[in-house]
Amino acid sequence: MFGWPGPVPSAISVLDHLVRNASEFGRCAGAEIEVRLARTESDDLLIDVIDRRTDFPSFDQAVAGHLGQGLWRITQYGATLSWHPDSDGKTVRAVLGATQAP
């Protein structure tokens, strides 16, 4: 995790939930899921999961836990979630601060 000083077990759980979500809901036939990890200068960990579906119906409801528990659980690890579409699909991003408790 690039020497990230934050709660690594939480980061692994967040990554696991995001990849499972993308594989279940975001994949298009024959498409791949991409994962990117980065550490910011302020020690935030950015976890991006990119799938080939360009929309994300009911994102806010999913984060609130009204449409399953995956994204809601990510917020329980202290992560902030966002998403944005692009020409090849969409990116779901989780940001974890180094001092956030699991």
N, C-alpha and C. Protein backbone atom coordinates (compact mmCIF):
# COMPACT_ATOMS: atom_id res chain seq x y z
N MET A 1 0.84 -1.21 0.00
CA MET A 1 0.00 0.00 0.00
C MET A 1 0.87 1.26 0.00
N PHE A 2 2.01 1.21 -0.63
CA PHE A 2 2.88 2.38 -0.81
C PHE A 2 3.38 2.96 0.50
N GLY A 3 3.45 2.18 1.55
CA GLY A 3 3.86 2.69 2.84
C GLY A 3 2.79 3.55 3.48
N TRP A 4 1.56 3.41 3.02
CA TRP A 4 0.45 4.21 3.56
C TRP A 4 0.31 3.95 5.06
N PRO A 5 0.25 5.01 5.89
CA PRO A 5 0.22 4.83 7.34
C PRO A 5 -1.17 4.57 7.90
N GLY A 6 -2.17 4.45 7.05
CA GLY A 6 -3.54 4.25 7.51
C GLY A 6 -3.86 2.80 7.82
N PRO A 7 -5.13 2.53 8.13
CA PRO A 7 -5.56 1.17 8.47
C PRO A 7 -5.64 0.27 7.23
N VAL A 8 -4.56 -0.45 6.98
CA VAL A 8 -4.47 -1.28 5.78
C VAL A 8 -5.58 -2.34 5.71
N PRO A 9 -5.95 -3.00 6.83
CA PRO A 9 -7.06 -3.95 6.72
C PRO A 9 -8.36 -3.29 6.23
N SER A 10 -8.61 -2.06 6.64
CA SER A 10 -9.79 -1.34 6.15
C SER A 10 -9.68 -1.08 4.65
N ALA A 11 -8.50 -0.68 4.20
CA ALA A 11 -8.30 -0.41 2.78
C ALA A 11 -8.52 -1.68 1.96
N ILE A 12 -8.05 -2.81 2.46
CA ILE A 12 -8.24 -4.07 1.74
C ILE A 12 -9.72 -4.42 1.68
N SER A 13 -10.44 -4.20 2.75
CA SER A 13 -11.89 -4.47 2.75
C SER A 13 -12.62 -3.56 1.77
N VAL A 14 -12.25 -2.28 1.75
CA VAL A 14 -12.86 -1.33 0.81
C VAL A 14 -12.60 -1.78 -0.62
N LEU A 15 -11.36 -2.13 -0.92
CA LEU A 15 -11.02 -2.59 -2.27
C LEU A 15 -11.82 -3.84 -2.63
N ASP A 16 -11.92 -4.76 -1.71
CA ASP A 16 -12.69 -5.98 -1.94
C ASP A 16 -14.15 -5.67 -2.28
N HIS A 17 -14.78 -4.81 -1.49
CA HIS A 17 -16.18 -4.46 -1.74
C HIS A 17 -16.35 -3.78 -3.10
N LEU A 18 -15.44 -2.86 -3.44
CA LEU A 18 -15.57 -2.16 -4.71
C LEU A 18 -15.40 -3.11 -5.90
N VAL A 19 -14.45 -4.01 -5.82
CA VAL A 19 -14.23 -4.95 -6.93
C VAL A 19 -15.41 -5.91 -7.06
N ARG A 20 -15.92 -6.39 -5.93
CA ARG A 20 -17.09 -7.27 -5.99
C ARG A 20 -18.29 -6.55 -6.60
N ASN A 21 -18.50 -5.29 -6.19
CA ASN A 21 -19.61 -4.51 -6.75
C ASN A 21 -19.45 -4.35 -8.26
N ALA A 22 -18.25 -3.99 -8.69
CA ALA A 22 -18.01 -3.79 -10.12
C ALA A 22 -18.20 -5.09 -10.89
N SER A 23 -17.74 -6.20 -10.33
CA SER A 23 -17.88 -7.45 -11.05
C SER A 23 -19.33 -7.91 -11.13
N GLU A 24 -20.11 -7.58 -10.12
CA GLU A 24 -21.51 -8.00 -10.12
C GLU A 24 -22.41 -7.06 -10.91
N PHE A 25 -22.20 -5.75 -10.79
CA PHE A 25 -23.13 -4.79 -11.36
C PHE A 25 -22.58 -3.96 -12.51
N GLY A 26 -21.28 -3.88 -12.66
CA GLY A 26 -20.72 -2.95 -13.63
C GLY A 26 -20.12 -3.54 -14.87
N ARG A 27 -20.00 -4.83 -14.92
CA ARG A 27 -19.32 -5.44 -16.06
C ARG A 27 -20.24 -5.55 -17.27
N CYS A 28 -19.66 -5.32 -18.39
CA CYS A 28 -20.31 -5.61 -19.65
C CYS A 28 -19.63 -6.86 -20.18
N ALA A 29 -20.32 -7.64 -20.96
CA ALA A 29 -19.77 -8.91 -21.44
C ALA A 29 -18.39 -8.72 -22.07
N GLY A 30 -17.43 -9.49 -21.59
CA GLY A 30 -16.08 -9.45 -22.14
C GLY A 30 -15.22 -8.30 -21.69
N ALA A 31 -15.74 -7.42 -20.86
CA ALA A 31 -14.97 -6.25 -20.42
C ALA A 31 -14.21 -6.57 -19.14
N GLU A 32 -13.16 -5.82 -18.90
CA GLU A 32 -12.35 -6.00 -17.71
C GLU A 32 -12.65 -4.91 -16.69
N ILE A 33 -12.29 -5.20 -15.45
CA ILE A 33 -12.35 -4.22 -14.37
C ILE A 33 -10.92 -3.77 -14.12
N GLU A 34 -10.75 -2.48 -13.94
CA GLU A 34 -9.42 -1.93 -13.68
C GLU A 34 -9.38 -1.37 -12.27
N VAL A 35 -8.26 -1.54 -11.58
CA VAL A 35 -8.07 -1.02 -10.23
C VAL A 35 -6.85 -0.11 -10.22
N ARG A 36 -6.99 1.04 -9.59
CA ARG A 36 -5.86 1.97 -9.43
C ARG A 36 -5.79 2.39 -7.97
N LEU A 37 -4.59 2.37 -7.44
CA LEU A 37 -4.35 2.84 -6.08
C LEU A 37 -3.35 3.98 -6.15
N ALA A 38 -3.58 5.00 -5.33
CA ALA A 38 -2.65 6.12 -5.26
C ALA A 38 -2.66 6.69 -3.85
N ARG A 39 -1.55 7.27 -3.48
CA ARG A 39 -1.41 7.92 -2.18
C ARG A 39 -1.15 9.40 -2.44
N THR A 40 -1.93 10.25 -1.79
CA THR A 40 -1.78 11.68 -1.99
C THR A 40 -0.70 12.24 -1.06
N GLU A 41 -0.32 13.47 -1.30
CA GLU A 41 0.67 14.14 -0.44
C GLU A 41 0.18 14.28 0.99
N SER A 42 -1.14 14.32 1.18
CA SER A 42 -1.70 14.44 2.54
C SER A 42 -2.01 13.07 3.14
N ASP A 43 -1.46 12.00 2.55
CA ASP A 43 -1.59 10.62 3.03
C ASP A 43 -2.99 10.03 2.91
N ASP A 44 -3.83 10.58 2.04
CA ASP A 44 -5.09 9.91 1.72
C ASP A 44 -4.76 8.77 0.75
N LEU A 45 -5.51 7.70 0.85
CA LEU A 45 -5.39 6.59 -0.10
C LEU A 45 -6.57 6.67 -1.05
N LEU A 46 -6.29 6.72 -2.34
CA LEU A 46 -7.32 6.75 -3.36
C LEU A 46 -7.43 5.36 -3.95
N ILE A 47 -8.63 4.82 -3.91
CA ILE A 47 -8.89 3.51 -4.50
C ILE A 47 -9.91 3.72 -5.60
N ASP A 48 -9.49 3.53 -6.84
CA ASP A 48 -10.37 3.68 -8.00
C ASP A 48 -10.63 2.31 -8.60
N VAL A 49 -11.90 2.02 -8.86
CA VAL A 49 -12.28 0.81 -9.57
C VAL A 49 -13.08 1.24 -10.79
N ILE A 50 -12.59 0.84 -11.95
CA ILE A 50 -13.17 1.27 -13.22
C ILE A 50 -13.82 0.07 -13.90
N ASP A 51 -15.08 0.24 -14.28
CA ASP A 51 -15.76 -0.79 -15.06
C ASP A 51 -16.28 -0.15 -16.33
N ARG A 52 -16.85 -0.94 -17.20
CA ARG A 52 -17.25 -0.46 -18.52
C ARG A 52 -18.69 0.01 -18.63
N ARG A 53 -19.40 0.00 -17.54
CA ARG A 53 -20.77 0.53 -17.56
C ARG A 53 -20.68 2.03 -17.27
N THR A 54 -21.33 2.86 -18.08
CA THR A 54 -21.16 4.31 -17.96
C THR A 54 -22.11 4.96 -16.96
N ASP A 55 -23.13 4.25 -16.51
CA ASP A 55 -24.05 4.88 -15.57
C ASP A 55 -23.94 4.22 -14.20
N PHE A 56 -24.53 4.86 -13.21
CA PHE A 56 -24.59 4.28 -11.87
C PHE A 56 -25.93 4.67 -11.27
N PRO A 57 -26.97 3.91 -11.65
CA PRO A 57 -28.31 4.23 -11.16
C PRO A 57 -28.36 4.17 -9.63
N SER A 58 -28.96 5.16 -9.05
CA SER A 58 -29.24 5.18 -7.60
C SER A 58 -27.98 5.11 -6.74
N PHE A 59 -26.91 5.77 -7.15
CA PHE A 59 -25.66 5.77 -6.38
C PHE A 59 -25.90 6.20 -4.94
N ASP A 60 -26.60 7.32 -4.75
CA ASP A 60 -26.83 7.83 -3.39
C ASP A 60 -27.60 6.84 -2.53
N GLN A 61 -28.58 6.19 -3.12
CA GLN A 61 -29.35 5.19 -2.38
C GLN A 61 -28.48 3.99 -2.02
N ALA A 62 -27.60 3.60 -2.92
CA ALA A 62 -26.70 2.47 -2.65
C ALA A 62 -25.74 2.81 -1.51
N VAL A 63 -25.19 4.02 -1.53
CA VAL A 63 -24.27 4.45 -0.46
C VAL A 63 -25.00 4.52 0.88
N ALA A 64 -26.26 4.92 0.85
CA ALA A 64 -27.05 5.02 2.08
C ALA A 64 -27.48 3.65 2.61
N GLY A 65 -27.28 2.59 1.84
CA GLY A 65 -27.64 1.24 2.28
C GLY A 65 -29.04 0.82 1.94
N HIS A 66 -29.71 1.59 1.07
CA HIS A 66 -31.08 1.25 0.69
C HIS A 66 -31.14 0.24 -0.45
N LEU A 67 -30.01 -0.01 -1.11
CA LEU A 67 -29.96 -0.97 -2.22
C LEU A 67 -28.80 -1.94 -1.99
N GLY A 68 -28.83 -2.67 -0.94
CA GLY A 68 -27.73 -3.56 -0.60
C GLY A 68 -26.83 -2.91 0.43
N GLN A 69 -25.80 -3.63 0.81
CA GLN A 69 -24.93 -3.16 1.89
C GLN A 69 -23.50 -2.87 1.47
N GLY A 70 -23.09 -3.23 0.26
CA GLY A 70 -21.69 -3.11 -0.15
C GLY A 70 -21.14 -1.71 -0.04
N LEU A 71 -21.75 -0.74 -0.73
CA LEU A 71 -21.24 0.62 -0.69
C LEU A 71 -21.44 1.26 0.68
N TRP A 72 -22.55 0.95 1.31
CA TRP A 72 -22.78 1.48 2.66
C TRP A 72 -21.68 0.99 3.60
N ARG A 73 -21.32 -0.28 3.50
CA ARG A 73 -20.28 -0.84 4.37
C ARG A 73 -18.95 -0.12 4.18
N ILE A 74 -18.66 0.27 2.94
CA ILE A 74 -17.42 1.01 2.66
C ILE A 74 -17.38 2.29 3.47
N THR A 75 -18.51 2.97 3.59
CA THR A 75 -18.53 4.21 4.38
C THR A 75 -18.30 3.93 5.86
N GLN A 76 -18.63 2.73 6.31
CA GLN A 76 -18.41 2.38 7.71
C GLN A 76 -16.92 2.22 8.03
N TYR A 77 -16.10 2.04 7.00
CA TYR A 77 -14.65 2.01 7.19
C TYR A 77 -14.06 3.42 7.16
N GLY A 78 -14.90 4.42 7.03
CA GLY A 78 -14.44 5.80 7.03
C GLY A 78 -14.14 6.35 5.65
N ALA A 79 -14.48 5.62 4.62
CA ALA A 79 -14.18 6.08 3.25
C ALA A 79 -15.25 7.04 2.75
N THR A 80 -14.82 7.95 1.94
CA THR A 80 -15.72 8.83 1.20
C THR A 80 -15.82 8.27 -0.21
N LEU A 81 -17.05 8.13 -0.72
CA LEU A 81 -17.28 7.54 -2.03
C LEU A 81 -17.76 8.57 -3.04
N SER A 82 -17.32 8.41 -4.26
CA SER A 82 -17.82 9.21 -5.37
C SER A 82 -17.71 8.37 -6.64
N TRP A 83 -18.31 8.86 -7.71
CA TRP A 83 -18.19 8.20 -8.99
C TRP A 83 -18.29 9.22 -10.10
N HIS A 84 -17.71 8.88 -11.25
CA HIS A 84 -17.86 9.73 -12.42
C HIS A 84 -17.76 8.88 -13.68
N PRO A 85 -18.58 9.24 -14.68
CA PRO A 85 -18.52 8.51 -15.95
C PRO A 85 -17.38 9.06 -16.81
N ASP A 86 -16.92 8.25 -17.73
CA ASP A 86 -16.01 8.72 -18.76
C ASP A 86 -16.31 7.97 -20.05
N SER A 87 -15.52 8.19 -21.06
CA SER A 87 -15.85 7.62 -22.37
C SER A 87 -15.76 6.10 -22.39
N ASP A 88 -15.01 5.51 -21.48
CA ASP A 88 -14.84 4.05 -21.48
C ASP A 88 -15.66 3.34 -20.42
N GLY A 89 -16.38 4.06 -19.60
CA GLY A 89 -17.15 3.45 -18.52
C GLY A 89 -17.32 4.42 -17.37
N LYS A 90 -17.06 3.91 -16.16
CA LYS A 90 -17.14 4.79 -15.00
C LYS A 90 -16.08 4.39 -13.98
N THR A 91 -15.75 5.36 -13.13
CA THR A 91 -14.82 5.14 -12.04
C THR A 91 -15.56 5.36 -10.74
N VAL A 92 -15.46 4.40 -9.84
CA VAL A 92 -15.96 4.56 -8.46
C VAL A 92 -14.71 4.75 -7.60
N ARG A 93 -14.70 5.84 -6.83
CA ARG A 93 -13.52 6.18 -6.02
C ARG A 93 -13.88 6.15 -4.54
N ALA A 94 -13.01 5.52 -3.78
CA ALA A 94 -13.07 5.57 -2.32
C ALA A 94 -11.82 6.29 -1.85
N VAL A 95 -12.01 7.23 -0.93
CA VAL A 95 -10.88 7.97 -0.35
C VAL A 95 -10.83 7.63 1.13
N LEU A 96 -9.69 7.11 1.55
CA LEU A 96 -9.47 6.79 2.96
C LEU A 96 -8.36 7.66 3.49
N GLY A 97 -8.62 8.33 4.61
CA GLY A 97 -7.60 9.13 5.26
C GLY A 97 -6.73 8.25 6.14
N ALA A 98 -5.50 8.65 6.33
CA ALA A 98 -4.55 7.85 7.11
C ALA A 98 -4.95 7.75 8.57
N THR A 99 -5.71 8.70 9.08
CA THR A 99 -6.05 8.70 10.50
C THR A 99 -7.45 8.18 10.76
N GLN A 100 -8.16 7.77 9.73
CA GLN A 100 -9.53 7.29 9.92
C GLN A 100 -9.51 5.92 10.56
N ALA A 101 -10.37 5.76 11.54
CA ALA A 101 -10.46 4.48 12.23
C ALA A 101 -11.35 3.52 11.47
N PRO A 102 -11.07 2.23 11.56
CA PRO A 102 -11.92 1.24 10.90
C PRO A 102 -13.29 1.17 11.53
